[in-house]
Protein backbone atom coordinates (compact mmCIF):
# COMPACT_ATOMS: atom_id res chain seq x y z
CA MET A 1 82.99 -151.56 -125.36
CA ALA A 2 84.86 -149.45 -122.21
CA ARG A 3 88.32 -148.14 -121.80
CA VAL A 4 88.97 -149.48 -118.27
CA LEU A 5 92.23 -148.74 -116.25
CA VAL A 6 93.76 -151.62 -114.13
CA VAL A 7 96.08 -150.83 -111.96
CA ASP A 8 97.46 -153.28 -109.46
CA ASP A 9 101.48 -154.49 -108.34
CA GLU A 10 100.30 -158.36 -110.03
CA PRO A 11 101.53 -158.82 -113.59
CA ALA A 12 99.75 -162.17 -113.23
CA MET A 13 96.41 -160.70 -111.87
CA LEU A 14 96.99 -157.51 -114.68
CA GLN A 15 97.01 -160.21 -117.24
CA LEU A 16 93.76 -162.37 -115.71
CA ILE A 17 92.13 -159.41 -115.52
CA ARG A 18 92.70 -158.25 -119.22
CA ARG A 19 91.76 -161.15 -120.87
CA VAL A 20 88.70 -161.80 -118.97
CA LEU A 21 87.56 -157.59 -119.79
CA GLU A 22 88.70 -157.70 -123.24
CA LYS A 23 86.79 -160.67 -123.50
CA ASP A 24 83.50 -158.45 -123.17
CA GLY A 25 85.23 -155.78 -126.09
CA HIS A 26 86.76 -153.82 -123.41
CA ILE A 27 90.22 -151.79 -124.06
CA CYS A 28 92.15 -152.35 -121.05
CA THR A 29 95.38 -150.46 -119.67
CA MET A 30 97.35 -152.07 -117.30
CA VAL A 31 99.60 -150.36 -114.96
CA SER A 32 101.71 -151.87 -111.84
CA ASP A 33 103.87 -148.95 -110.91
CA ALA A 34 101.52 -147.50 -108.40
CA PRO A 35 103.34 -144.40 -107.99
CA ASN A 36 103.06 -143.53 -111.65
CA VAL A 37 99.38 -143.36 -111.43
CA PRO A 38 98.30 -139.82 -109.87
CA ALA A 39 99.91 -137.89 -112.65
CA MET A 40 97.98 -139.78 -115.74
CA ASN A 41 95.51 -138.35 -118.03
CA PHE A 42 92.10 -140.09 -116.49
CA SER A 43 90.12 -138.41 -119.24
CA LYS A 44 90.25 -141.38 -121.50
CA PHE A 45 89.36 -143.56 -118.98
CA ASP A 46 85.55 -145.24 -118.23
CA LEU A 47 86.23 -147.01 -115.41
CA ILE A 48 89.12 -147.92 -113.38
CA LEU A 49 90.00 -150.99 -111.33
CA LEU A 50 92.11 -150.44 -108.34
CA ASP A 51 94.01 -152.86 -106.06
CA VAL A 52 94.45 -151.99 -102.49
CA MET A 53 98.02 -153.42 -100.97
CA MET A 54 100.35 -152.24 -103.67
CA PRO A 55 103.88 -150.94 -102.70
CA GLY A 56 104.87 -147.43 -103.15
CA LEU A 57 101.51 -146.22 -103.05
CA ASP A 58 98.42 -147.66 -102.01
CA GLY A 59 94.73 -147.95 -103.31
CA PHE A 60 93.36 -145.70 -100.97
CA GLU A 61 96.03 -142.97 -101.09
CA ILE A 62 95.67 -143.28 -105.23
CA CYS A 63 91.70 -142.72 -104.98
CA ARG A 64 92.11 -139.70 -102.39
CA GLN A 65 94.67 -138.02 -104.81
CA ILE A 66 92.78 -138.41 -108.02
CA ARG A 67 89.05 -138.58 -107.24
CA TYR A 68 88.83 -135.01 -107.74
CA ARG A 69 89.77 -135.13 -111.17
CA VAL A 70 88.30 -138.37 -111.96
CA ASP A 71 84.22 -138.94 -113.05
CA CYS A 72 84.23 -142.45 -113.81
CA PRO A 73 83.70 -144.96 -111.11
CA ILE A 74 86.21 -146.68 -109.49
CA ILE A 75 86.24 -150.26 -107.95
CA PHE A 76 88.88 -151.00 -105.57
CA LEU A 77 89.85 -154.63 -105.77
CA THR A 78 90.99 -155.81 -102.19
CA ALA A 79 91.84 -158.49 -100.32
CA LYS A 80 90.28 -156.24 -97.49
CA THR A 81 87.31 -157.31 -96.02
CA GLN A 82 86.99 -155.98 -92.75
CA GLU A 83 84.04 -153.03 -92.69
CA ASN A 84 86.21 -150.22 -91.90
CA ASP A 85 88.75 -150.82 -94.46
CA ILE A 86 85.44 -150.87 -96.67
CA VAL A 87 83.97 -148.09 -94.89
CA GLN A 88 87.73 -146.09 -95.23
CA GLY A 89 87.58 -147.29 -98.62
CA LEU A 90 84.33 -145.63 -100.26
CA GLY A 91 85.02 -142.64 -97.45
CA PHE A 92 87.62 -142.19 -100.49
CA GLY A 93 85.48 -141.27 -103.33
CA ALA A 94 85.32 -145.29 -104.77
CA ASP A 95 82.08 -146.50 -106.34
CA ASP A 96 82.39 -150.29 -105.14
CA TYR A 97 85.18 -152.94 -103.95
CA ILE A 98 85.54 -156.28 -104.96
CA ALA A 99 87.51 -158.97 -102.15
CA LYS A 100 89.85 -161.15 -103.43
CA PRO A 101 89.93 -163.87 -104.24
CA PHE A 102 86.77 -163.41 -106.45
CA GLY A 103 85.36 -164.90 -109.72
CA MET A 104 85.72 -163.84 -113.06
CA ALA A 105 82.09 -163.79 -113.54
CA GLU A 106 81.75 -161.29 -110.56
CA LEU A 107 84.37 -159.13 -112.32
CA ARG A 108 82.63 -159.03 -115.23
CA ALA A 109 79.34 -158.61 -113.71
CA ARG A 110 80.10 -155.83 -111.41
CA VAL A 111 82.26 -154.22 -114.35
CA ASN A 112 79.78 -154.04 -116.98
CA ALA A 113 76.76 -153.27 -114.66
CA HIS A 114 78.88 -149.97 -113.30
CA LEU A 115 79.31 -148.97 -116.56
CA ARG A 116 75.85 -149.08 -117.79
CA ARG A 117 74.95 -147.24 -114.67
CA ASP A 118 77.32 -144.72 -115.60
CA MET A 119 76.29 -144.10 -118.98
CA ARG A 120 72.46 -144.07 -117.84
CA GLU A 121 73.54 -141.02 -115.60
CA LYS A 122 75.50 -139.34 -118.28
CA LYS A 123 72.68 -139.21 -120.37
CA ASN A 124 70.89 -136.97 -118.35
CA SER A 125 73.47 -135.07 -115.85
CA VAL A 126 77.54 -135.37 -115.55
CA SER A 127 79.49 -133.51 -112.75
CA VAL A 128 83.04 -132.03 -113.85
CA SER A 129 85.28 -130.54 -111.34
CA GLY A 130 82.09 -129.47 -109.19
CA VAL A 131 80.02 -128.28 -112.13
CA LEU A 132 77.03 -130.42 -112.67
CA PHE A 133 75.04 -130.14 -116.64
CA GLN A 134 71.97 -130.95 -116.40
CA LEU A 135 72.60 -132.25 -120.35
CA ASN A 136 68.70 -132.57 -121.03
CA ALA A 137 67.77 -129.27 -119.77
CA LYS A 138 71.06 -127.27 -121.26
CA GLU A 139 71.71 -126.31 -117.32
CA ILE A 140 74.54 -125.77 -115.20
CA GLU A 141 73.91 -125.92 -111.48
CA ILE A 142 76.32 -125.32 -108.70
CA ASP A 143 75.46 -125.77 -105.19
CA GLY A 144 71.75 -126.34 -106.28
CA GLN A 145 72.34 -122.44 -107.87
CA LYS A 146 71.50 -122.55 -112.04
CA LEU A 147 74.47 -120.37 -113.45
CA PRO A 148 73.12 -117.96 -115.74
CA LEU A 149 74.68 -118.40 -119.23
CA THR A 150 73.97 -117.90 -122.79
CA LYS A 151 73.02 -120.79 -125.02
CA GLY A 152 76.73 -120.22 -126.26
CA GLU A 153 78.17 -120.21 -123.22
CA TYR A 154 76.59 -122.88 -121.84
CA GLU A 155 77.58 -124.99 -125.22
CA ILE A 156 81.36 -123.86 -124.73
CA CYS A 157 81.24 -125.14 -121.18
CA GLU A 158 79.98 -128.42 -121.63
CA TYR A 159 82.20 -129.26 -124.81
CA MET A 160 85.30 -128.55 -123.21
CA ALA A 161 84.08 -129.79 -119.72
CA LEU A 162 82.96 -133.38 -121.50
CA HIS A 163 86.12 -133.09 -123.10
CA HIS A 164 88.45 -132.34 -119.97
CA GLY A 165 91.74 -132.09 -119.73
CA GLN A 166 92.17 -131.95 -123.01
CA THR A 167 93.67 -128.58 -124.90
CA PHE A 168 91.73 -127.05 -128.16
CA THR A 169 92.01 -124.15 -129.97
CA ARG A 170 89.67 -121.23 -130.27
CA GLU A 171 89.32 -122.52 -133.63
CA GLN A 172 88.36 -125.73 -132.75
CA ILE A 173 86.10 -124.64 -129.89
CA TYR A 174 84.22 -122.30 -132.30
CA GLU A 175 83.81 -125.16 -134.88
CA ALA A 176 82.23 -127.72 -132.28
CA VAL A 177 79.95 -125.66 -130.75
CA PHE A 178 78.78 -122.77 -133.52
CA GLY A 179 79.97 -125.36 -136.93
CA TYR A 180 81.58 -124.49 -139.47
CA ASP A 181 78.69 -121.88 -140.90
CA GLY A 182 78.44 -119.67 -138.00
CA GLU A 183 78.17 -116.37 -138.66
CA GLY A 184 80.96 -114.63 -136.62
CA ASP A 185 84.66 -116.10 -136.20
CA SER A 186 86.93 -117.63 -133.32
CA SER A 187 87.97 -114.67 -131.81
CA VAL A 188 84.56 -114.17 -130.28
CA ILE A 189 85.24 -117.44 -128.31
CA SER A 190 88.05 -115.35 -126.10
CA SER A 191 84.67 -113.27 -124.95
CA HIS A 192 82.70 -116.10 -124.29
CA ILE A 193 85.31 -117.44 -122.06
CA LYS A 194 85.93 -114.42 -120.30
CA ASN A 195 82.05 -114.05 -119.77
CA ILE A 196 82.16 -118.01 -118.57
CA ARG A 197 85.18 -117.27 -116.24
CA ALA A 198 83.47 -114.38 -114.58
CA LYS A 199 79.88 -116.12 -113.61
CA LEU A 200 81.96 -119.13 -112.49
CA ALA A 201 83.92 -117.29 -110.19
CA VAL A 202 81.01 -116.09 -108.09
CA PHE A 203 80.97 -119.29 -106.73
CA SER A 204 84.85 -119.47 -106.61
CA LEU A 205 85.77 -121.55 -109.24
CA SER A 206 88.16 -121.27 -112.44
CA PRO A 207 88.17 -124.57 -114.19
CA ILE A 208 88.62 -123.25 -117.42
CA GLU A 209 92.62 -122.85 -117.97
CA THR A 210 94.43 -120.84 -120.56
CA VAL A 211 97.28 -122.70 -122.44
CA TRP A 212 99.58 -119.47 -123.42
CA GLY A 213 100.00 -120.17 -127.46
CA VAL A 214 97.06 -122.87 -128.25
CA GLY A 215 93.85 -122.55 -126.56
CA TYR A 216 92.62 -123.38 -123.83
CA LYS A 217 91.25 -126.51 -121.73
CA TRP A 218 88.69 -127.53 -118.60
CA VAL A 219 91.05 -129.06 -116.01
């Protein structure tokens, strides 16, 4: 089961895609108003199907605007099959395209193939906001260089990055990283985050945002 965002200005197409993907157990969010898409929270989606030819804001422009915030696969649904159009679309950060009209078997196969591939990659590594997490090695790399983090600092980064876009209190972060039986208290999270920010700043990165009165989030 995966969470799929489908963006298309044709209601009939949205309903057809929903019926097909729900047969595979996927949960679909359908959007027909393209200009509203860039403001959405994409952290809850595992894959995005994005129509190209839409009024107000086309799929290429949406992909260009959201790609830096989206780690999941993006597949274009397009009637454009000229090589230049395909190259342009992939250049905006899409992972694949499906030419309209397409068969439902092809749609299911492409979607499931990308979901399987994405799950395999995430077992080993994942890139969020320009930071590469080597999940098995419990290490972070930026531009090919290892970031010198303590075990606790790494765990804080991984937890927040894998839930990027969500805001957590210091208490939530402490419990997730150190557990209920941790020997310190949640106040140490502020110190850890200060150290993490200083190390990331060397690479001109600042993905940890303070949400005043609440806590922190990875953006």
